[in-house]
């Protein structure tokens, strides 16, 4: 089964007056949709744009694997474990909230910041928080999130190039840029596809593109995110 969700249908969030624009792919905060709570372990896929000087002040998370892909600009991170970092375009940031962590995310640069942030439910609750940044993740290089039974790959096909879709139990695709085709469906920036039990699928790029591909195992039954 393939379910395509359009970027234009995402829930609008953020705070434009504070320089934050957010588009949510799943039920989130005040945008509650009981039919769109999660896909396997994926709880959120948020497209974020932060103006220079804008950001999310310190706030809590728990029982959540938070993976961030920076598209343009620089993301400044600081958390309650003492970890700090600047995450740049092409980098992956992974914050495992464990039993609880607080963090700050800001755009301290001179140009706008754009990133995609994805929340995954872990297979089990608790644990100590952890933080890592993978610099310049290569095309197709796996970033494993074993706590959620998931693997992320970023693919950047050139025009006319074909990319195989993993034959996993579930696959979640998010288009960052480009015009792509999946099983007869045209996909553009912000569009996503939720794939269950399919094999031998390919993505064909009509123009140079970038797509986030999650390989997902069985759905996680974990405590609800508290922040």
Protein backbone atom coordinates (compact mmCIF):
# COMPACT_ATOMS: atom_id res chain seq x y z
CA UNK A 1 0.00 0.00 0.00
CA UNK A 2 1.22 3.50 -0.85
CA UNK A 3 -0.37 6.55 0.74
CA UNK A 4 0.77 9.92 -0.65
CA UNK A 5 0.38 13.02 1.51
CA UNK A 6 0.82 16.45 -0.09
CA UNK A 7 2.94 19.22 1.35
CA UNK A 8 0.10 21.68 0.77
CA UNK A 9 -2.08 19.68 3.18
CA UNK A 10 0.34 19.86 6.13
CA UNK A 11 -0.82 21.54 9.33
CA UNK A 12 0.49 25.08 9.68
CA UNK A 13 2.20 25.82 12.97
CA UNK A 14 5.02 27.90 14.36
CA UNK A 15 4.92 31.57 15.21
CA UNK A 16 5.37 33.83 12.19
CA UNK A 17 5.65 36.97 14.32
CA UNK A 18 8.64 35.38 16.05
CA UNK A 19 10.18 34.28 12.74
CA UNK A 20 9.18 30.60 12.94
CA UNK A 21 7.26 28.84 10.16
CA UNK A 22 6.32 25.19 10.70
CA UNK A 23 4.45 22.63 8.59
CA UNK A 24 3.45 19.40 10.35
CA UNK A 25 2.91 16.09 8.53
CA UNK A 26 1.28 14.42 11.56
CA UNK A 27 -1.13 15.38 14.32
CA UNK A 28 0.84 17.76 16.51
CA UNK A 29 -0.02 19.91 19.52
CA UNK A 30 -3.21 21.86 18.85
CA UNK A 31 -3.44 20.30 15.36
CA UNK A 32 -5.08 17.08 16.56
CA UNK A 33 -6.14 14.48 14.01
CA UNK A 34 -6.96 11.04 15.49
CA UNK A 35 -6.54 9.46 12.04
CA UNK A 36 -3.03 10.85 11.57
CA UNK A 37 -1.14 10.21 14.81
CA UNK A 38 1.84 8.20 13.53
CA UNK A 39 3.23 5.84 10.90
CA UNK A 40 4.98 2.94 12.59
CA UNK A 41 7.44 4.63 14.97
CA UNK A 42 7.31 7.98 13.14
CA UNK A 43 5.43 10.49 15.31
CA UNK A 44 6.34 13.75 13.57
CA UNK A 45 7.90 15.11 10.42
CA UNK A 46 8.09 18.89 10.73
CA UNK A 47 9.35 21.30 8.09
CA UNK A 48 10.85 24.27 9.92
CA UNK A 49 12.01 27.69 8.71
CA UNK A 50 13.64 30.00 11.26
CA UNK A 51 14.51 33.60 10.46
CA UNK A 52 17.86 34.94 11.69
CA UNK A 53 17.70 35.28 15.48
CA UNK A 54 14.59 33.10 15.82
CA UNK A 55 14.40 29.85 17.71
CA UNK A 56 12.76 27.52 20.20
CA UNK A 57 13.65 28.40 23.77
CA UNK A 58 14.43 25.68 26.30
CA UNK A 59 11.76 22.98 26.36
CA UNK A 60 11.53 19.31 27.47
CA UNK A 61 11.32 15.98 25.66
CA UNK A 62 11.24 12.37 26.82
CA UNK A 63 10.89 8.89 25.30
CA UNK A 64 11.59 10.22 21.80
CA UNK A 65 14.33 9.87 19.17
CA UNK A 66 14.63 13.30 17.51
CA UNK A 67 16.42 13.33 14.15
CA UNK A 68 17.05 16.61 12.32
CA UNK A 69 18.19 17.10 8.72
CA UNK A 70 19.46 20.62 8.00
CA UNK A 71 18.64 21.78 4.46
CA UNK A 72 20.11 25.29 4.54
CA UNK A 73 21.62 27.59 7.15
CA UNK A 74 22.95 26.61 10.58
CA UNK A 75 21.10 25.20 13.60
CA UNK A 76 22.52 25.98 17.06
CA UNK A 77 21.78 23.31 19.68
CA UNK A 78 22.24 23.30 23.46
CA UNK A 79 20.79 20.80 25.93
CA UNK A 80 20.59 20.06 29.63
CA UNK A 81 23.29 17.36 29.47
CA UNK A 82 25.84 20.02 28.52
CA UNK A 83 25.98 19.13 24.83
CA UNK A 84 26.24 22.00 22.34
CA UNK A 85 26.69 22.11 18.60
CA UNK A 86 26.19 23.90 15.33
CA UNK A 87 24.51 21.74 12.68
CA UNK A 88 24.99 22.75 9.04
CA UNK A 89 23.37 21.89 5.72
CA UNK A 90 23.93 18.23 4.95
CA UNK A 91 24.40 17.28 8.61
CA UNK A 92 22.18 14.95 10.65
CA UNK A 93 21.56 15.69 14.31
CA UNK A 94 20.24 12.93 16.58
CA UNK A 95 19.00 13.67 20.09
CA UNK A 96 17.82 10.65 22.07
CA UNK A 97 15.64 12.14 24.79
CA UNK A 98 15.65 9.02 26.96
CA UNK A 99 13.99 9.52 30.35
CA UNK A 100 14.12 13.28 29.91
CA UNK A 101 16.14 16.16 28.45
CA UNK A 102 15.70 19.87 27.85
CA UNK A 103 17.12 21.67 24.82
CA UNK A 104 17.30 24.93 22.89
CA UNK A 105 17.24 25.21 19.08
CA UNK A 106 18.07 28.53 17.44
CA UNK A 107 19.14 30.24 14.25
CA UNK A 108 22.05 32.36 15.39
CA UNK A 109 23.23 32.90 11.80
CA UNK A 110 22.71 35.79 9.38
CA UNK A 111 20.58 33.83 6.87
CA UNK A 112 17.40 31.81 7.20
CA UNK A 113 17.56 28.29 8.59
CA UNK A 114 15.57 25.46 7.03
CA UNK A 115 15.43 21.95 8.44
CA UNK A 116 13.27 18.84 8.63
CA UNK A 117 12.82 17.36 12.10
CA UNK A 118 11.47 13.87 12.63
CA UNK A 119 10.37 12.29 15.92
CA UNK A 120 10.36 8.52 16.39
CA UNK A 121 9.03 6.45 19.29
CA UNK A 122 11.65 4.17 20.84
CA UNK A 123 11.02 0.45 21.25
CA UNK A 124 11.27 0.86 25.02
CA UNK A 125 11.04 3.74 27.50
CA UNK A 126 13.72 5.40 29.57
CA UNK A 127 17.47 5.41 29.26
CA UNK A 128 20.02 8.18 29.46
CA UNK A 129 19.80 11.05 26.93
CA UNK A 130 22.44 11.12 24.19
CA UNK A 131 23.43 13.48 21.38
CA UNK A 132 25.38 13.16 18.15
CA UNK A 133 25.93 14.99 14.87
CA UNK A 134 26.88 13.21 11.65
CA UNK A 135 28.69 15.66 9.39
CA UNK A 136 28.00 15.72 5.64
CA UNK A 137 26.03 12.47 5.49
CA UNK A 138 26.86 10.79 2.18
CA UNK A 139 24.31 9.88 -0.47
CA UNK A 140 22.66 6.65 0.63
CA UNK A 141 24.80 6.32 3.76
CA UNK A 142 22.67 4.81 6.53
CA UNK A 143 22.07 6.60 9.80
CA UNK A 144 20.81 3.94 12.16
CA UNK A 145 18.39 4.63 14.99
CA UNK A 146 18.32 1.19 16.62
CA UNK A 147 16.34 2.43 19.61
CA UNK A 148 13.38 2.91 17.23
CA UNK A 149 14.15 0.04 14.85
CA UNK A 150 14.71 2.53 12.03
CA UNK A 151 17.32 3.54 9.46
CA UNK A 152 17.49 6.88 7.64
CA UNK A 153 19.06 7.33 4.23
CA UNK A 154 19.28 10.60 2.30
CA UNK A 155 19.28 10.15 -1.46
CA UNK A 156 20.17 12.87 -3.96
CA UNK A 157 19.32 11.55 -7.44
CA UNK A 158 20.26 13.43 -10.57
CA UNK A 159 17.74 14.07 -13.35
CA UNK A 160 16.61 10.76 -14.86
CA UNK A 161 18.26 8.70 -12.11
CA UNK A 162 16.38 5.86 -10.47
CA UNK A 163 16.61 5.09 -6.77
CA UNK A 164 15.33 1.77 -5.36
CA UNK A 165 12.95 1.98 -2.43
CA UNK A 166 13.97 -0.37 0.40
CA UNK A 167 11.78 -3.47 0.72
CA UNK A 168 11.24 -2.87 4.43
CA UNK A 169 8.10 -3.60 6.44
CA UNK A 170 7.33 0.11 6.29
CA UNK A 171 9.02 2.97 4.44
CA UNK A 172 8.45 6.68 4.99
CA UNK A 173 9.59 9.09 2.25
CA UNK A 174 9.85 12.87 2.53
CA UNK A 175 10.77 14.98 -0.50
CA UNK A 176 13.08 17.87 0.34
CA UNK A 177 13.64 19.15 -3.20
CA UNK A 178 13.14 18.14 -6.82
CA UNK A 179 10.39 16.54 -8.91
CA UNK A 180 10.15 12.80 -8.34
CA UNK A 181 7.91 9.99 -9.52
CA UNK A 182 6.89 6.99 -7.38
CA UNK A 183 4.67 4.27 -8.83
CA UNK A 184 2.98 6.72 -11.20
CA UNK A 185 2.58 9.48 -8.59
CA UNK A 186 4.34 12.81 -9.04
CA UNK A 187 5.98 14.04 -5.83
CA UNK A 188 7.32 17.53 -5.15
CA UNK A 189 8.92 19.37 -2.24
CA UNK A 190 7.06 18.77 1.02
CA UNK A 191 5.21 15.72 -0.29
CA UNK A 192 5.57 12.40 1.49
CA UNK A 193 4.67 8.76 0.97
CA UNK A 194 3.82 6.10 3.54
CA UNK A 195 4.59 2.67 2.11
CA UNK A 196 3.56 -0.64 3.66
CA UNK A 197 4.44 -4.11 2.40
CA UNK A 198 5.64 -3.09 -1.08
CA UNK A 199 8.59 -4.48 -3.03
CA UNK A 200 10.46 -3.54 -6.22
CA UNK A 201 9.53 0.14 -6.06
CA UNK A 202 11.72 2.84 -7.56
CA UNK A 203 11.88 6.61 -7.37
CA UNK A 204 12.61 8.35 -10.66
CA UNK A 205 13.95 11.89 -10.57
CA UNK A 206 12.58 14.34 -13.13
CA UNK A 207 15.06 16.94 -11.85
CA UNK A 208 17.94 16.85 -9.36
CA UNK A 209 16.34 15.97 -6.04
CA UNK A 210 16.78 15.16 -2.39
CA UNK A 211 14.61 12.70 -0.50
CA UNK A 212 14.68 11.38 3.07
CA UNK A 213 13.97 7.64 3.20
CA UNK A 214 13.15 5.89 6.48
CA UNK A 215 13.26 2.10 6.69
CA UNK A 216 10.96 1.11 9.55
CA UNK A 217 10.43 -2.14 11.41
CA UNK A 218 7.46 -3.10 13.54
CA UNK A 219 5.56 -0.22 15.16
CA UNK A 220 6.82 0.76 18.59
CA UNK A 221 4.56 0.68 21.63
CA UNK A 222 6.21 3.30 23.81
CA UNK A 223 5.11 6.00 26.27
CA UNK A 224 3.73 9.12 24.67
CA UNK A 225 6.15 12.01 24.11
CA UNK A 226 5.76 14.46 26.98
CA UNK A 227 7.27 17.60 25.48
